[in-house]
Amino acid sequence: MALSFIRKHDSRRCMSTDIPHDAPLKTPEDWTEFQLEHADEKLFMDFYGQYGSAQSRENTWQPYHSLHRPPSPGQLTLSALLAAGAHLGHSTSLLNPNFLPYAYGTRAGITVIDLDNTLPMLRRAANLTRAVAAEGGTIVFIGTRPDLRPVVKKASERAGNRTYYVGEKWLPGTLTNRLHHYDKSTVMKNRVIPDLMIILNPLANMSAIREAAIEHVPTIGIIDSNVDPRIVMYAIPANDESTRTAELIGGVLSIAGREGAELHLEKQLRFEEKRQAAQEARESERVRRLRRIQKRLDEEDELNTP
């Protein structure tokens, strides 16, 4: 069967020339023939696939993967950062002197960011995000540019129900003047101050960074070559104007947050199991004590009976 199949297709030069793409499907017979041709093509590709490339749409990188299928912190590579354009900084005339340790060099008047520093610093930020989520902390993703709003929204959805996002303008006083934005009962009953803030465009959210510093909230931020890395607690030197870079970094951090949320859930389940086991042990001990008392009373009754 394989030889006959090969003989049937050995005269083909291009599979696309045998399929009438512009022919309208008017009758059921046309539709049946169209399906048979596609099945024949798939069989041909499956047979010869072992001798050539195994690439398909399912296992080939697509532009939307950085938003919907980001890699985990352990799978992140320099190639992924390079493909996202994370190494492209600003003009050399805008270089911040404190950014020099993270600059690789210059090219065509543009500062090139050293990704050998970006990768470990991003993984350090991912470890922090995972640790905060594992302890049940709240995380806020901030990205106030229009192209960053879907990034922070998707990241907060991926990281779990203790993660929130700010896609519009940060309201000044959200942390430092809580009673002005919320009523007293809300401030007393709910956790208003987050445990971690991840900022994708720090320069546009300096008020949020200042409030986080006042309230002792750790901050993670994408720092470009024109920004002082000291404005955030955990800097990630990368291109802050690239949407793909923000999608990649936000996705990596959100996956770390999801891993931490899963660890927190496992910890809660173990604690609940231990609590139930301890309660059952106390209940069984109480039953045994009651039985011993009842047995002692029965023995005393037997002794006192004439």
C-alpha atoms as a PDB file:
ATOM      1  CA  MET A   1       0.000   0.000   0.000  1.00  0.00           C
ATOM      2  CA  ALA A   2       2.853   2.374   0.821  1.00  0.00           C
ATOM      3  CA  LEU A   3       4.509   1.759  -2.574  1.00  0.00           C
ATOM      4  CA  SER A   4       1.280   2.332  -4.448  1.00  0.00           C
ATOM      5  CA  PHE A   5       0.724   5.480  -2.423  1.00  0.00           C
ATOM      6  CA  ILE A   6       4.196   6.753  -3.359  1.00  0.00           C
ATOM      7  CA  ARG A   7       3.658   5.917  -7.049  1.00  0.00           C
ATOM      8  CA  LYS A   8       0.389   7.773  -6.937  1.00  0.00           C
ATOM      9  CA  HIS A   9       2.046  10.964  -5.726  1.00  0.00           C
ATOM     10  CA  ASP A  10       5.539  10.774  -7.226  1.00  0.00           C
ATOM     11  CA  SER A  11       4.484  12.840 -10.228  1.00  0.00           C
ATOM     12  CA  ARG A  12       3.295  15.742  -8.113  1.00  0.00           C
ATOM     13  CA  ARG A  13       5.407  18.856  -8.082  1.00  0.00           C
ATOM     14  CA  CYS A  14       3.328  20.919  -5.664  1.00  0.00           C
ATOM     15  CA  MET A  15       0.396  19.818  -3.582  1.00  0.00           C
ATOM     16  CA  SER A  16      -1.308  23.200  -3.918  1.00  0.00           C
ATOM     17  CA  THR A  17      -1.558  22.871  -7.735  1.00  0.00           C
ATOM     18  CA  ASP A  18      -3.840  19.829  -7.460  1.00  0.00           C
ATOM     19  CA  ILE A  19      -6.457  21.509  -5.282  1.00  0.00           C
ATOM     20  CA  PRO A  20      -8.830  23.919  -7.064  1.00  0.00           C
ATOM     21  CA  HIS A  21      -8.807  26.659  -4.444  1.00  0.00           C
ATOM     22  CA  ASP A  22     -11.006  28.980  -6.479  1.00  0.00           C
ATOM     23  CA  ALA A  23     -13.585  26.346  -7.447  1.00  0.00           C
ATOM     24  CA  PRO A  24     -16.921  26.896  -5.666  1.00  0.00           C
ATOM     25  CA  LEU A  25     -18.491  23.938  -3.875  1.00  0.00           C
ATOM     26  CA  LYS A  26     -21.945  23.795  -5.419  1.00  0.00           C
ATOM     27  CA  THR A  27     -23.078  20.206  -4.944  1.00  0.00           C
ATOM     28  CA  PRO A  28     -22.588  17.546  -2.248  1.00  0.00           C
ATOM     29  CA  GLU A  29     -20.354  15.707  -4.699  1.00  0.00           C
ATOM     30  CA  ASP A  30     -18.043  18.740  -4.900  1.00  0.00           C
ATOM     31  CA  TRP A  31     -17.874  18.865  -1.100  1.00  0.00           C
ATOM     32  CA  THR A  32     -17.108  15.151  -0.912  1.00  0.00           C
ATOM     33  CA  GLU A  33     -14.339  15.493  -3.492  1.00  0.00           C
ATOM     34  CA  PHE A  34     -12.917  18.454  -1.619  1.00  0.00           C
ATOM     35  CA  GLN A  35     -12.807  16.426   1.618  1.00  0.00           C
ATOM     36  CA  LEU A  36     -11.191  13.482  -0.128  1.00  0.00           C
ATOM     37  CA  GLU A  37      -8.492  15.707  -1.602  1.00  0.00           C
ATOM     38  CA  HIS A  38      -7.669  17.152   1.785  1.00  0.00           C
ATOM     39  CA  ALA A  39      -7.603  13.688   3.359  1.00  0.00           C
ATOM     40  CA  ASP A  40      -5.322  12.540   0.555  1.00  0.00           C
ATOM     41  CA  GLU A  41      -3.005  15.497   1.165  1.00  0.00           C
ATOM     42  CA  LYS A  42      -2.900  14.818   4.895  1.00  0.00           C
ATOM     43  CA  LEU A  43      -2.034  11.176   4.276  1.00  0.00           C
ATOM     44  CA  PHE A  44       0.736  12.271   1.927  1.00  0.00           C
ATOM     45  CA  MET A  45       2.158  14.707   4.493  1.00  0.00           C
ATOM     46  CA  ASP A  46       1.948  12.176   7.316  1.00  0.00           C
ATOM     47  CA  PHE A  47       3.790   9.582   5.248  1.00  0.00           C
ATOM     48  CA  TYR A  48       6.649  11.878   4.219  1.00  0.00           C
ATOM     49  CA  GLY A  49       6.749  13.793   7.487  1.00  0.00           C
ATOM     50  CA  GLN A  50       9.203  11.325   9.025  1.00  0.00           C
ATOM     51  CA  TYR A  51      11.723  12.195   6.309  1.00  0.00           C
ATOM     52  CA  GLY A  52      11.484  15.960   6.635  1.00  0.00           C
ATOM     53  CA  SER A  53      10.398  18.674   9.006  1.00  0.00           C
ATOM     54  CA  ALA A  54       7.804  17.919  11.666  1.00  0.00           C
ATOM     55  CA  GLN A  55       6.754  21.543  12.038  1.00  0.00           C
ATOM     56  CA  SER A  56       3.071  22.368  12.118  1.00  0.00           C
ATOM     57  CA  ARG A  57       0.933  25.219  13.356  1.00  0.00           C
ATOM     58  CA  GLU A  58       0.519  23.477  16.688  1.00  0.00           C
ATOM     59  CA  ASN A  59       4.250  23.187  17.474  1.00  0.00           C
ATOM     60  CA  THR A  60       5.499  26.354  15.735  1.00  0.00           C
ATOM     61  CA  TRP A  61       5.860  29.653  17.534  1.00  0.00           C
ATOM     62  CA  GLN A  62       3.161  32.194  16.779  1.00  0.00           C
ATOM     63  CA  PRO A  63       3.188  35.950  17.568  1.00  0.00           C
ATOM     64  CA  TYR A  64       0.376  35.602  20.102  1.00  0.00           C
ATOM     65  CA  HIS A  65       2.234  32.984  22.160  1.00  0.00           C
ATOM     66  CA  SER A  66       4.068  35.631  24.217  1.00  0.00           C
ATOM     67  CA  LEU A  67       0.704  36.767  25.609  1.00  0.00           C
ATOM     68  CA  HIS A  68      -1.256  33.522  25.821  1.00  0.00           C
ATOM     69  CA  ARG A  69       1.519  30.894  26.108  1.00  0.00           C
ATOM     70  CA  PRO A  70       4.488  32.461  27.922  1.00  0.00           C
ATOM     71  CA  PRO A  71       7.328  30.228  29.094  1.00  0.00           C
ATOM     72  CA  SER A  72       7.850  29.357  32.724  1.00  0.00           C
ATOM     73  CA  PRO A  73      10.786  30.952  34.601  1.00  0.00           C
ATOM     74  CA  GLY A  74      12.792  27.749  34.241  1.00  0.00           C
ATOM     75  CA  GLN A  75      12.181  27.553  30.487  1.00  0.00           C
ATOM     76  CA  LEU A  76      13.016  31.182  29.754  1.00  0.00           C
ATOM     77  CA  THR A  77      16.074  31.636  27.529  1.00  0.00           C
ATOM     78  CA  LEU A  78      18.198  34.470  26.185  1.00  0.00           C
ATOM     79  CA  SER A  79      16.880  33.677  22.725  1.00  0.00           C
ATOM     80  CA  ALA A  80      13.314  34.403  23.838  1.00  0.00           C
ATOM     81  CA  LEU A  81      14.348  37.743  25.344  1.00  0.00           C
ATOM     82  CA  LEU A  82      16.338  38.590  22.227  1.00  0.00           C
ATOM     83  CA  ALA A  83      13.428  37.703  19.925  1.00  0.00           C
ATOM     84  CA  ALA A  84      11.121  39.912  21.994  1.00  0.00           C
ATOM     85  CA  GLY A  85      13.452  42.893  21.545  1.00  0.00           C
ATOM     86  CA  ALA A  86      14.308  43.161  25.229  1.00  0.00           C
ATOM     87  CA  HIS A  87      17.899  44.198  24.399  1.00  0.00           C
ATOM     88  CA  LEU A  88      16.975  47.442  22.626  1.00  0.00           C
ATOM     89  CA  GLY A  89      17.427  50.489  24.825  1.00  0.00           C
ATOM     90  CA  HIS A  90      17.064  54.205  24.199  1.00  0.00           C
ATOM     91  CA  SER A  91      19.411  56.631  22.516  1.00  0.00           C
ATOM     92  CA  THR A  92      22.865  56.897  24.054  1.00  0.00           C
ATOM     93  CA  SER A  93      22.189  60.567  24.788  1.00  0.00           C
ATOM     94  CA  LEU A  94      19.403  59.484  27.178  1.00  0.00           C
ATOM     95  CA  LEU A  95      21.492  56.896  29.028  1.00  0.00           C
ATOM     96  CA  ASN A  96      21.097  57.120  32.794  1.00  0.00           C
ATOM     97  CA  PRO A  97      24.539  56.912  34.494  1.00  0.00           C
ATOM     98  CA  ASN A  98      23.207  54.398  37.039  1.00  0.00           C
ATOM     99  CA  PHE A  99      22.217  52.057  34.205  1.00  0.00           C
ATOM    100  CA  LEU A 100      25.818  51.540  33.049  1.00  0.00           C
ATOM    101  CA  PRO A 101      26.278  48.146  34.831  1.00  0.00           C
ATOM    102  CA  TYR A 102      23.412  46.727  32.741  1.00  0.00           C
ATOM    103  CA  ALA A 103      24.498  48.135  29.364  1.00  0.00           C
ATOM    104  CA  TYR A 104      26.277  45.838  26.923  1.00  0.00           C
ATOM    105  CA  GLY A 105      27.357  48.561  24.513  1.00  0.00           C
ATOM    106  CA  THR A 106      26.062  50.831  21.776  1.00  0.00           C
ATOM    107  CA  ARG A 107      24.925  50.193  18.231  1.00  0.00           C
ATOM    108  CA  ALA A 108      23.853  52.885  15.748  1.00  0.00           C
ATOM    109  CA  GLY A 109      23.466  55.379  18.563  1.00  0.00           C
ATOM    110  CA  ILE A 110      21.255  53.055  20.644  1.00  0.00           C
ATOM    111  CA  THR A 111      22.167  51.509  23.973  1.00  0.00           C
ATOM    112  CA  VAL A 112      22.168  47.706  23.878  1.00  0.00           C
ATOM    113  CA  ILE A 113      21.034  46.096  27.127  1.00  0.00           C
ATOM    114  CA  ASP A 114      23.058  43.170  28.451  1.00  0.00           C
ATOM    115  CA  LEU A 115      20.625  40.250  28.558  1.00  0.00           C
ATOM    116  CA  ASP A 116      23.110  38.228  30.611  1.00  0.00           C
ATOM    117  CA  ASN A 117      22.021  40.476  33.480  1.00  0.00           C
ATOM    118  CA  THR A 118      18.360  40.560  32.503  1.00  0.00           C
ATOM    119  CA  LEU A 119      17.807  36.788  32.635  1.00  0.00           C
ATOM    120  CA  PRO A 120      19.009  36.151  36.230  1.00  0.00           C
ATOM    121  CA  MET A 121      17.323  39.311  37.496  1.00  0.00           C
ATOM    122  CA  LEU A 122      14.055  38.241  35.892  1.00  0.00           C
ATOM    123  CA  ARG A 123      14.359  34.812  37.474  1.00  0.00           C
ATOM    124  CA  ARG A 124      15.060  36.450  40.837  1.00  0.00           C
ATOM    125  CA  ALA A 125      11.886  38.518  40.437  1.00  0.00           C
ATOM    126  CA  ALA A 126       9.982  35.339  39.512  1.00  0.00           C
ATOM    127  CA  ASN A 127      11.237  33.630  42.682  1.00  0.00           C
ATOM    128  CA  LEU A 128      10.039  36.599  44.726  1.00  0.00           C
ATOM    129  CA  THR A 129       6.625  36.521  43.032  1.00  0.00           C
ATOM    130  CA  ARG A 130       6.316  32.795  43.686  1.00  0.00           C
ATOM    131  CA  ALA A 131       7.296  33.199  47.335  1.00  0.00           C
ATOM    132  CA  VAL A 132       4.781  36.017  47.912  1.00  0.00           C
ATOM    133  CA  ALA A 133       1.971  34.030  46.299  1.00  0.00           C
ATOM    134  CA  ALA A 134       2.943  30.896  48.236  1.00  0.00           C
ATOM    135  CA  GLU A 135       2.369  32.775  51.496  1.00  0.00           C
ATOM    136  CA  GLY A 136      -1.069  33.940  50.393  1.00  0.00           C
ATOM    137  CA  GLY A 137       0.022  37.489  49.550  1.00  0.00           C
ATOM    138  CA  THR A 138      -1.731  39.826  47.135  1.00  0.00           C
ATOM    139  CA  ILE A 139       0.001  40.953  43.939  1.00  0.00           C
ATOM    140  CA  VAL A 140      -0.838  43.918  41.698  1.00  0.00           C
ATOM    141  CA  PHE A 141       0.232  44.194  38.048  1.00  0.00           C
ATOM    142  CA  ILE A 142       0.400  47.785  36.775  1.00  0.00           C
ATOM    143  CA  GLY A 143       0.539  48.710  33.098  1.00  0.00           C
ATOM    144  CA  THR A 144      -1.166  51.964  32.152  1.00  0.00           C
ATOM    145  CA  ARG A 145      -0.366  52.150  28.432  1.00  0.00           C
ATOM    146  CA  PRO A 146      -3.126  51.010  26.061  1.00  0.00           C
ATOM    147  CA  ASP A 147      -0.972  48.164  24.719  1.00  0.00           C
ATOM    148  CA  LEU A 148      -0.186  46.984  28.256  1.00  0.00           C
ATOM    149  CA  ARG A 149      -3.779  46.694  29.482  1.00  0.00           C
ATOM    150  CA  PRO A 150      -4.385  43.244  27.969  1.00  0.00           C
ATOM    151  CA  VAL A 151      -0.993  42.155  29.310  1.00  0.00           C
ATOM    152  CA  VAL A 152      -1.723  43.019  32.945  1.00  0.00           C
ATOM    153  CA  LYS A 153      -5.290  41.695  32.654  1.00  0.00           C
ATOM    154  CA  LYS A 154      -4.130  38.349  31.301  1.00  0.00           C
ATOM    155  CA  ALA A 155      -1.332  38.158  33.891  1.00  0.00           C
ATOM    156  CA  SER A 156      -3.715  38.777  36.798  1.00  0.00           C
ATOM    157  CA  GLU A 157      -6.146  36.158  35.501  1.00  0.00           C
ATOM    158  CA  ARG A 158      -3.345  33.623  35.124  1.00  0.00           C
ATOM    159  CA  ALA A 159      -1.772  34.222  38.536  1.00  0.00           C
ATOM    160  CA  GLY A 160      -4.886  33.471  40.613  1.00  0.00           C
ATOM    161  CA  ASN A 161      -7.655  35.105  42.591  1.00  0.00           C
ATOM    162  CA  ARG A 162      -5.250  37.017  44.876  1.00  0.00           C
ATOM    163  CA  THR A 163      -3.773  38.952  41.950  1.00  0.00           C
ATOM    164  CA  TYR A 164      -5.163  42.243  40.636  1.00  0.00           C
ATOM    165  CA  TYR A 165      -4.248  44.688  37.885  1.00  0.00           C
ATOM    166  CA  VAL A 166      -4.345  48.406  37.113  1.00  0.00           C
ATOM    167  CA  GLY A 167      -4.754  49.154  33.423  1.00  0.00           C
ATOM    168  CA  GLU A 168      -5.866  52.753  33.683  1.00  0.00           C
ATOM    169  CA  LYS A 169      -4.257  55.709  35.453  1.00  0.00           C
ATOM    170  CA  TRP A 170      -2.998  55.058  38.972  1.00  0.00           C
ATOM    171  CA  LEU A 171      -5.035  57.239  41.335  1.00  0.00           C
ATOM    172  CA  PRO A 172      -2.642  59.150  43.625  1.00  0.00           C
ATOM    173  CA  GLY A 173      -3.221  58.318  47.251  1.00  0.00           C
ATOM    174  CA  THR A 174      -4.546  54.811  46.603  1.00  0.00           C
ATOM    175  CA  LEU A 175      -2.180  53.438  49.261  1.00  0.00           C
ATOM    176  CA  THR A 176      -1.216  56.464  51.351  1.00  0.00           C
ATOM    177  CA  ASN A 177      -4.670  58.080  51.528  1.00  0.00           C
ATOM    178  CA  ARG A 178      -6.837  55.000  51.765  1.00  0.00           C
ATOM    179  CA  LEU A 179      -9.666  56.559  53.740  1.00  0.00           C
ATOM    180  CA  HIS A 180     -10.197  59.070  50.942  1.00  0.00           C
ATOM    181  CA  HIS A 181     -10.732  56.327  48.351  1.00  0.00           C
ATOM    182  CA  TYR A 182     -12.401  53.733  50.585  1.00  0.00           C
ATOM    183  CA  ASP A 183     -14.657  53.940  53.617  1.00  0.00           C
ATOM    184  CA  LYS A 184     -13.355  53.058  57.055  1.00  0.00           C
ATOM    185  CA  SER A 185     -15.086  49.684  57.233  1.00  0.00           C
ATOM    186  CA  THR A 186     -13.532  48.603  53.924  1.00  0.00           C
ATOM    187  CA  VAL A 187     -10.061  49.555  55.119  1.00  0.00           C
ATOM    188  CA  MET A 188     -10.556  47.722  58.423  1.00  0.00           C
ATOM    189  CA  LYS A 189     -12.084  44.540  56.988  1.00  0.00           C
ATOM    190  CA  ASN A 190     -10.197  44.121  53.698  1.00  0.00           C
ATOM    191  CA  ARG A 191      -6.556  44.018  52.708  1.00  0.00           C
ATOM    192  CA  VAL A 192      -6.011  47.252  50.797  1.00  0.00           C
ATOM    193  CA  ILE A 193      -2.215  47.375  50.713  1.00  0.00           C
ATOM    194  CA  PRO A 194      -0.738  44.683  48.406  1.00  0.00           C
ATOM    195  CA  ASP A 195       2.263  42.547  49.241  1.00  0.00           C
ATOM    196  CA  LEU A 196       3.948  43.029  45.857  1.00  0.00           C
ATOM    197  CA  MET A 197       3.620  45.463  42.955  1.00  0.00           C
ATOM    198  CA  ILE A 198       4.821  44.609  39.429  1.00  0.00           C
ATOM    199  CA  ILE A 199       5.107  47.706  37.225  1.00  0.00           C
ATOM    200  CA  LEU A 200       5.595  47.316  33.474  1.00  0.00           C
ATOM    201  CA  ASN A 201       6.033  51.048  32.714  1.00  0.00           C
ATOM    202  CA  PRO A 202       7.619  52.604  35.814  1.00  0.00           C
ATOM    203  CA  LEU A 203       8.219  56.153  34.528  1.00  0.00           C
ATOM    204  CA  ALA A 204       4.503  56.708  33.989  1.00  0.00           C
ATOM    205  CA  ASN A 205       3.699  55.363  37.464  1.00  0.00           C
ATOM    206  CA  MET A 206       6.146  57.186  39.718  1.00  0.00           C
ATOM    207  CA  SER A 207       3.344  58.067  42.140  1.00  0.00           C
ATOM    208  CA  ALA A 208       2.594  54.357  42.621  1.00  0.00           C
ATOM    209  CA  ILE A 209       6.291  53.654  43.223  1.00  0.00           C
ATOM    210  CA  ARG A 210       6.518  56.443  45.828  1.00  0.00           C
ATOM    211  CA  GLU A 211       3.429  55.187  47.641  1.00  0.00           C
ATOM    212  CA  ALA A 212       4.791  51.635  47.613  1.00  0.00           C
ATOM    213  CA  ALA A 213       8.049  52.896  49.134  1.00  0.00           C
ATOM    214  CA  ILE A 214       6.150  54.749  51.872  1.00  0.00           C
ATOM    215  CA  GLU A 215       4.072  51.668  52.698  1.00  0.00           C
ATOM    216  CA  HIS A 216       7.137  49.343  52.480  1.00  0.00           C
ATOM    217  CA  VAL A 217       5.692  47.346  49.569  1.00  0.00           C
ATOM    218  CA  PRO A 218       8.340  45.625  47.392  1.00  0.00           C
ATOM    219  CA  THR A 219       8.256  46.610  43.733  1.00  0.00           C
ATOM    220  CA  ILE A 220       9.351  44.900  40.509  1.00  0.00           C
ATOM    221  CA  GLY A 221       9.785  47.008  37.395  1.00  0.00           C
ATOM    222  CA  ILE A 222      11.041  46.886  33.800  1.00  0.00           C
ATOM    223  CA  ILE A 223      13.892  49.388  33.704  1.00  0.00           C
ATOM    224  CA  ASP A 224      15.057  50.811  30.385  1.00  0.00           C
ATOM    225  CA  SER A 225      18.389  52.538  29.700  1.00  0.00           C
ATOM    226  CA  ASN A 226      16.955  56.013  30.438  1.00  0.00           C
ATOM    227  CA  VAL A 227      15.696  55.056  33.902  1.00  0.00           C
ATOM    228  CA  ASP A 228      17.481  54.876  37.235  1.00  0.00           C
ATOM    229  CA  PRO A 229      17.324  51.213  38.351  1.00  0.00           C
ATOM    230  CA  ARG A 230      17.127  52.322  41.990  1.00  0.00           C
ATOM    231  CA  ILE A 231      13.542  53.560  41.703  1.00  0.00           C
ATOM    232  CA  VAL A 232      12.263  49.992  42.189  1.00  0.00           C
ATOM    233  CA  MET A 233      13.388  47.342  44.629  1.00  0.00           C
ATOM    234  CA  TYR A 234      13.835  44.564  42.032  1.00  0.00           C
ATOM    235  CA  ALA A 235      14.819  45.959  38.647  1.00  0.00           C
ATOM    236  CA  ILE A 236      14.592  44.022  35.374  1.00  0.00           C
ATOM    237  CA  PRO A 237      16.744  45.771  32.737  1.00  0.00           C
ATOM    238  CA  ALA A 238      14.846  45.486  29.453  1.00  0.00           C
ATOM    239  CA  ASN A 239      13.067  47.450  26.772  1.00  0.00           C
ATOM    240  CA  ASP A 240      10.041  49.037  28.467  1.00  0.00           C
ATOM    241  CA  GLU A 241       8.519  50.285  25.196  1.00  0.00           C
ATOM    242  CA  SER A 242       8.226  46.869  23.542  1.00  0.00           C
ATOM    243  CA  THR A 243       4.841  45.200  23.873  1.00  0.00           C
ATOM    244  CA  ARG A 244       6.299  41.761  23.232  1.00  0.00           C
ATOM    245  CA  THR A 245       8.886  42.272  25.964  1.00  0.00           C
ATOM    246  CA  ALA A 246       6.158  43.292  28.412  1.00  0.00           C
ATOM    247  CA  GLU A 247       4.081  40.262  27.389  1.00  0.00           C
ATOM    248  CA  LEU A 248       7.034  37.944  27.926  1.00  0.00           C
ATOM    249  CA  ILE A 249       8.085  39.372  31.304  1.00  0.00           C
ATOM    250  CA  GLY A 250       4.522  39.743  32.563  1.00  0.00           C
ATOM    251  CA  GLY A 251       3.738  36.197  31.464  1.00  0.00           C
ATOM    252  CA  VAL A 252       6.805  34.731  33.187  1.00  0.00           C
ATOM    253  CA  LEU A 253       5.991  36.540  36.444  1.00  0.00           C
ATOM    254  CA  SER A 254       2.328  35.534  36.267  1.00  0.00           C
ATOM    255  CA  ILE A 255       3.266  31.871  35.833  1.00  0.00           C
ATOM    256  CA  ALA A 256       5.510  32.185  38.883  1.00  0.00           C
ATOM    257  CA  GLY A 257       2.552  33.675  40.762  1.00  0.00           C
ATOM    258  CA  ARG A 258       0.342  30.798  39.648  1.00  0.00           C
ATOM    259  CA  GLU A 259       2.922  28.283  40.882  1.00  0.00           C
ATOM    260  CA  GLY A 260       3.016  30.088  44.222  1.00  0.00           C
ATOM    261  CA  ALA A 261      -0.791  30.072  44.430  1.00  0.00           C
ATOM    262  CA  GLU A 262      -0.782  26.313  43.830  1.00  0.00           C
ATOM    263  CA  LEU A 263       1.797  25.878  46.607  1.00  0.00           C
ATOM    264  CA  HIS A 264      -0.381  27.985  48.918  1.00  0.00           C
ATOM    265  CA  LEU A 265      -3.401  25.834  48.097  1.00  0.00           C
ATOM    266  CA  GLU A 266      -1.430  22.654  48.792  1.00  0.00           C
ATOM    267  CA  LYS A 267      -0.248  24.121  52.086  1.00  0.00           C
ATOM    268  CA  GLN A 268      -3.832  24.943  53.052  1.00  0.00           C
ATOM    269  CA  LEU A 269      -4.961  21.420  52.153  1.00  0.00           C
ATOM    270  CA  ARG A 270      -2.172  19.881  54.246  1.00  0.00           C
ATOM    271  CA  PHE A 271      -3.040  22.158  57.150  1.00  0.00           C
ATOM    272  CA  GLU A 272      -6.701  21.201  56.878  1.00  0.00           C
ATOM    273  CA  GLU A 273      -5.800  17.505  56.788  1.00  0.00           C
ATOM    274  CA  LYS A 274      -3.611  17.886  59.888  1.00  0.00           C
ATOM    275  CA  ARG A 275      -6.355  19.819  61.654  1.00  0.00           C
ATOM    276  CA  GLN A 276      -8.932  17.152  60.870  1.00  0.00           C
ATOM    277  CA  ALA A 277      -6.518  14.412  61.943  1.00  0.00           C
ATOM    278  CA  ALA A 278      -5.824  16.224  65.225  1.00  0.00           C
ATOM    279  CA  GLN A 279      -9.546  16.716  65.789  1.00  0.00           C
ATOM    280  CA  GLU A 280     -10.227  13.044  65.121  1.00  0.00           C
ATOM    281  CA  ALA A 281      -7.398  12.093  67.502  1.00  0.00           C
ATOM    282  CA  ARG A 282      -8.847  14.318  70.235  1.00  0.00           C
ATOM    283  CA  GLU A 283     -12.302  12.874  69.651  1.00  0.00           C
ATOM    284  CA  SER A 284     -11.029   9.297  69.808  1.00  0.00           C
ATOM    285  CA  GLU A 285      -9.069  10.086  72.987  1.00  0.00           C
ATOM    286  CA  ARG A 286     -12.208  11.556  74.547  1.00  0.00           C
ATOM    287  CA  VAL A 287     -14.162   8.433  73.640  1.00  0.00           C
ATOM    288  CA  ARG A 288     -11.462   6.188  75.135  1.00  0.00           C
ATOM    289  CA  ARG A 289     -11.434   8.279  78.320  1.00  0.00           C
ATOM    290  CA  LEU A 290     -15.204   8.006  78.632  1.00  0.00           C
ATOM    291  CA  ARG A 291     -15.014   4.259  78.121  1.00  0.00           C
ATOM    292  CA  ARG A 292     -12.367   3.924  80.841  1.00  0.00           C
ATOM    293  CA  ILE A 293     -14.489   5.947  83.237  1.00  0.00           C
ATOM    294  CA  GLN A 294     -17.557   3.878  82.398  1.00  0.00           C
ATOM    295  CA  LYS A 295     -15.590   0.661  82.913  1.00  0.00           C
ATOM    296  CA  ARG A 296     -14.329   1.895  86.298  1.00  0.00           C
ATOM    297  CA  LEU A 297     -17.867   2.792  87.363  1.00  0.00           C
ATOM    298  CA  ASP A 298     -19.126  -0.620  86.300  1.00  0.00           C
ATOM    299  CA  GLU A 299     -16.380  -2.313  88.324  1.00  0.00           C
ATOM    300  CA  GLU A 300     -17.258  -0.241  91.388  1.00  0.00           C
ATOM    301  CA  ASP A 301     -20.918  -1.148  90.992  1.00  0.00           C
ATOM    302  CA  GLU A 302     -20.041  -4.828  90.858  1.00  0.00           C
ATOM    303  CA  LEU A 303     -17.943  -4.542  94.036  1.00  0.00           C
ATOM    304  CA  ASN A 304     -20.698  -2.680  95.893  1.00  0.00           C
ATOM    305  CA  THR A 305     -23.385  -5.119  94.815  1.00  0.00           C
ATOM    306  CA  PRO A 306     -24.045  -7.664  97.680  1.00  0.00           C
END
